[in-house]
Amino acid sequence: MSQFLAVFTPRRWAVLATLREAGPLTVAELARRVKRDYKNVHGDIEKLREWRAVVKDEQGRIHAPYAEIVVQVRLPQQQAA
């Protein structure tokens, strides 16, 4: 779970939300829309691509193809009393 939270930071969630609302965008346009530096957004996109949360199309635009991300977390077993 800690790895998931390290990847899906609030800023990266904002990137995903922007892509879901706007559709495919270039990294430059995405950076402009989220009001962040191109280099940082590019790094976020690369990390999200590693996790397959976003994809790049033939024109080099990025999009978020999934409407939801479902995470299943197993809780530790309860200790015997």
N, C-alpha and C. Protein backbone atom coordinates (compact mmCIF):
# COMPACT_ATOMS: atom_id res chain seq x y z
N MET A 1 0.82 -1.19 0.00
CA MET A 1 0.00 0.00 0.00
C MET A 1 0.87 1.25 0.00
N SER A 2 1.99 1.19 0.71
CA SER A 2 2.85 2.37 0.77
C SER A 2 3.40 2.71 -0.62
N GLN A 3 3.70 1.70 -1.42
CA GLN A 3 4.18 1.95 -2.77
C GLN A 3 3.09 2.60 -3.62
N PHE A 4 1.87 2.14 -3.48
CA PHE A 4 0.74 2.74 -4.21
C PHE A 4 0.60 4.21 -3.83
N LEU A 5 0.64 4.50 -2.54
CA LEU A 5 0.49 5.89 -2.09
C LEU A 5 1.67 6.75 -2.52
N ALA A 6 2.84 6.15 -2.65
CA ALA A 6 4.01 6.91 -3.12
C ALA A 6 3.86 7.27 -4.60
N VAL A 7 3.21 6.42 -5.37
CA VAL A 7 3.02 6.68 -6.80
C VAL A 7 1.83 7.59 -7.03
N PHE A 8 0.71 7.30 -6.40
CA PHE A 8 -0.52 8.06 -6.64
C PHE A 8 -0.65 9.18 -5.63
N THR A 9 0.19 10.19 -5.81
CA THR A 9 0.21 11.36 -4.95
C THR A 9 -0.94 12.30 -5.31
N PRO A 10 -1.25 13.26 -4.46
CA PRO A 10 -2.31 14.22 -4.80
C PRO A 10 -2.07 14.94 -6.13
N ARG A 11 -0.83 15.29 -6.43
CA ARG A 11 -0.54 15.97 -7.70
C ARG A 11 -0.78 15.04 -8.89
N ARG A 12 -0.44 13.78 -8.72
CA ARG A 12 -0.67 12.83 -9.82
C ARG A 12 -2.15 12.54 -9.98
N TRP A 13 -2.91 12.54 -8.88
CA TRP A 13 -4.36 12.40 -9.00
C TRP A 13 -4.93 13.58 -9.77
N ALA A 14 -4.38 14.78 -9.53
CA ALA A 14 -4.84 15.97 -10.27
C ALA A 14 -4.54 15.82 -11.76
N VAL A 15 -3.39 15.26 -12.09
CA VAL A 15 -3.04 15.00 -13.49
C VAL A 15 -4.05 14.03 -14.10
N LEU A 16 -4.34 12.94 -13.39
CA LEU A 16 -5.31 11.97 -13.89
C LEU A 16 -6.69 12.60 -14.07
N ALA A 17 -7.11 13.39 -13.10
CA ALA A 17 -8.43 14.04 -13.19
C ALA A 17 -8.49 14.98 -14.39
N THR A 18 -7.42 15.72 -14.62
CA THR A 18 -7.38 16.64 -15.76
C THR A 18 -7.46 15.88 -17.07
N LEU A 19 -6.73 14.78 -17.17
CA LEU A 19 -6.78 13.97 -18.39
C LEU A 19 -8.16 13.36 -18.59
N ARG A 20 -8.81 12.93 -17.53
CA ARG A 20 -10.15 12.35 -17.65
C ARG A 20 -11.15 13.39 -18.13
N GLU A 21 -11.00 14.63 -17.65
CA GLU A 21 -11.93 15.70 -18.03
C GLU A 21 -11.66 16.22 -19.44
N ALA A 22 -10.38 16.38 -19.78
CA ALA A 22 -10.01 17.04 -21.04
C ALA A 22 -9.83 16.07 -22.20
N GLY A 23 -9.54 14.82 -21.91
CA GLY A 23 -9.19 13.89 -22.98
C GLY A 23 -7.70 13.95 -23.25
N PRO A 24 -7.24 13.31 -24.32
CA PRO A 24 -5.81 13.26 -24.62
C PRO A 24 -5.17 14.65 -24.74
N LEU A 25 -4.02 14.81 -24.09
CA LEU A 25 -3.28 16.07 -24.12
C LEU A 25 -1.79 15.79 -24.28
N THR A 26 -1.08 16.75 -24.83
CA THR A 26 0.38 16.68 -24.81
C THR A 26 0.83 16.97 -23.38
N VAL A 27 2.05 16.59 -23.06
CA VAL A 27 2.57 16.87 -21.73
C VAL A 27 2.63 18.38 -21.51
N ALA A 28 3.01 19.13 -22.53
CA ALA A 28 3.08 20.59 -22.40
C ALA A 28 1.71 21.19 -22.08
N GLU A 29 0.68 20.74 -22.79
CA GLU A 29 -0.67 21.25 -22.53
C GLU A 29 -1.16 20.82 -21.15
N LEU A 30 -0.85 19.61 -20.78
CA LEU A 30 -1.24 19.11 -19.46
C LEU A 30 -0.57 19.94 -18.36
N ALA A 31 0.72 20.21 -18.51
CA ALA A 31 1.45 21.02 -17.53
C ALA A 31 0.81 22.41 -17.41
N ARG A 32 0.43 22.98 -18.53
CA ARG A 32 -0.20 24.30 -18.52
C ARG A 32 -1.53 24.24 -17.76
N ARG A 33 -2.30 23.21 -18.01
CA ARG A 33 -3.63 23.11 -17.37
C ARG A 33 -3.55 22.87 -15.87
N VAL A 34 -2.55 22.10 -15.43
CA VAL A 34 -2.42 21.86 -13.99
C VAL A 34 -1.52 22.90 -13.31
N LYS A 35 -1.04 23.87 -14.12
CA LYS A 35 -0.21 24.98 -13.62
C LYS A 35 1.03 24.48 -12.88
N ARG A 36 1.75 23.57 -13.57
CA ARG A 36 2.98 23.02 -13.01
C ARG A 36 4.06 23.03 -14.07
N ASP A 37 5.28 22.86 -13.63
CA ASP A 37 6.45 22.82 -14.50
C ASP A 37 6.40 21.58 -15.41
N TYR A 38 6.76 21.78 -16.68
CA TYR A 38 6.75 20.70 -17.68
C TYR A 38 7.56 19.50 -17.19
N LYS A 39 8.77 19.75 -16.70
CA LYS A 39 9.66 18.66 -16.29
C LYS A 39 9.02 17.80 -15.19
N ASN A 40 8.39 18.44 -14.22
CA ASN A 40 7.76 17.69 -13.13
C ASN A 40 6.56 16.89 -13.62
N VAL A 41 5.76 17.48 -14.48
CA VAL A 41 4.60 16.76 -15.03
C VAL A 41 5.08 15.60 -15.90
N HIS A 42 6.14 15.81 -16.67
CA HIS A 42 6.70 14.74 -17.48
C HIS A 42 7.13 13.57 -16.60
N GLY A 43 7.79 13.86 -15.49
CA GLY A 43 8.19 12.82 -14.55
C GLY A 43 6.99 12.08 -13.98
N ASP A 44 5.94 12.83 -13.66
CA ASP A 44 4.72 12.20 -13.15
C ASP A 44 4.10 11.28 -14.19
N ILE A 45 4.08 11.73 -15.43
CA ILE A 45 3.52 10.91 -16.51
C ILE A 45 4.32 9.63 -16.68
N GLU A 46 5.63 9.72 -16.62
CA GLU A 46 6.46 8.51 -16.76
C GLU A 46 6.15 7.51 -15.65
N LYS A 47 6.01 8.00 -14.42
CA LYS A 47 5.69 7.11 -13.30
C LYS A 47 4.29 6.50 -13.48
N LEU A 48 3.34 7.31 -13.89
CA LEU A 48 1.98 6.79 -14.12
C LEU A 48 1.94 5.81 -15.29
N ARG A 49 2.79 6.01 -16.28
CA ARG A 49 2.87 5.05 -17.40
C ARG A 49 3.43 3.71 -16.91
N GLU A 50 4.41 3.75 -16.01
CA GLU A 50 4.97 2.52 -15.45
C GLU A 50 3.87 1.69 -14.78
N TRP A 51 2.96 2.38 -14.15
CA TRP A 51 1.85 1.71 -13.45
C TRP A 51 0.65 1.51 -14.36
N ARG A 52 0.78 1.87 -15.62
CA ARG A 52 -0.26 1.73 -16.65
C ARG A 52 -1.55 2.49 -16.34
N ALA A 53 -1.40 3.60 -15.62
CA ALA A 53 -2.56 4.44 -15.30
C ALA A 53 -2.84 5.41 -16.44
N VAL A 54 -1.82 5.68 -17.27
CA VAL A 54 -1.99 6.52 -18.45
C VAL A 54 -1.28 5.86 -19.62
N VAL A 55 -1.69 6.22 -20.82
CA VAL A 55 -1.06 5.70 -22.03
C VAL A 55 -0.79 6.85 -22.99
N LYS A 56 0.16 6.61 -23.89
CA LYS A 56 0.51 7.59 -24.92
C LYS A 56 -0.05 7.10 -26.24
N ASP A 57 -0.74 7.98 -26.98
CA ASP A 57 -1.29 7.59 -28.27
C ASP A 57 -0.28 7.81 -29.39
N GLU A 58 -0.70 7.52 -30.62
CA GLU A 58 0.20 7.60 -31.78
C GLU A 58 0.72 9.02 -32.02
N GLN A 59 -0.04 10.01 -31.61
CA GLN A 59 0.38 11.41 -31.78
C GLN A 59 1.21 11.92 -30.61
N GLY A 60 1.49 11.05 -29.65
CA GLY A 60 2.30 11.44 -28.49
C GLY A 60 1.50 12.09 -27.37
N ARG A 61 0.17 12.09 -27.52
CA ARG A 61 -0.67 12.67 -26.46
C ARG A 61 -0.91 11.61 -25.38
N ILE A 62 -1.10 12.11 -24.17
CA ILE A 62 -1.31 11.24 -23.01
C ILE A 62 -2.80 11.20 -22.70
N HIS A 63 -3.29 10.03 -22.34
CA HIS A 63 -4.67 9.97 -21.85
C HIS A 63 -4.80 8.92 -20.76
N ALA A 64 -5.83 9.10 -19.95
CA ALA A 64 -6.14 8.20 -18.84
C ALA A 64 -7.34 7.37 -19.26
N PRO A 65 -7.13 6.12 -19.68
CA PRO A 65 -8.21 5.33 -20.26
C PRO A 65 -9.19 4.74 -19.25
N TYR A 66 -8.86 4.81 -17.97
CA TYR A 66 -9.70 4.13 -16.98
C TYR A 66 -10.56 5.13 -16.21
N ALA A 67 -11.82 4.77 -16.00
CA ALA A 67 -12.74 5.61 -15.25
C ALA A 67 -12.54 5.46 -13.74
N GLU A 68 -11.94 4.36 -13.33
CA GLU A 68 -11.68 4.16 -11.91
C GLU A 68 -10.48 3.25 -11.72
N ILE A 69 -9.87 3.39 -10.55
CA ILE A 69 -8.78 2.52 -10.14
C ILE A 69 -9.24 1.88 -8.84
N VAL A 70 -9.31 0.57 -8.83
CA VAL A 70 -9.78 -0.16 -7.66
C VAL A 70 -8.57 -0.79 -6.98
N VAL A 71 -8.44 -0.54 -5.69
CA VAL A 71 -7.33 -1.08 -4.91
C VAL A 71 -7.89 -2.00 -3.84
N GLN A 72 -7.32 -3.17 -3.75
CA GLN A 72 -7.74 -4.12 -2.74
C GLN A 72 -6.61 -4.24 -1.72
N VAL A 73 -6.93 -4.03 -0.45
CA VAL A 73 -5.93 -4.06 0.61
C VAL A 73 -6.32 -5.12 1.62
N ARG A 74 -5.38 -6.00 1.90
CA ARG A 74 -5.63 -7.05 2.90
C ARG A 74 -5.14 -6.53 4.25
N LEU A 75 -6.02 -6.57 5.24
CA LEU A 75 -5.68 -6.15 6.60
C LEU A 75 -4.95 -7.28 7.31
N PRO A 76 -4.12 -6.93 8.30
CA PRO A 76 -3.43 -7.98 9.06
C PRO A 76 -4.45 -8.86 9.79
N GLN A 77 -4.08 -10.11 10.00
CA GLN A 77 -4.98 -11.01 10.71
C GLN A 77 -5.07 -10.59 12.17
N GLN A 78 -6.24 -10.81 12.74
CA GLN A 78 -6.47 -10.47 14.13
C GLN A 78 -5.73 -11.45 15.02
N GLN A 79 -5.10 -10.93 16.06
CA GLN A 79 -4.39 -11.78 17.01
C GLN A 79 -5.38 -12.54 17.88
N ALA A 80 -5.06 -13.78 18.22
CA ALA A 80 -5.92 -14.58 19.09
C ALA A 80 -5.94 -13.95 20.48
N ALA A 81 -7.09 -14.01 21.13
CA ALA A 81 -7.25 -13.40 22.46
C ALA A 81 -6.65 -14.24 23.54
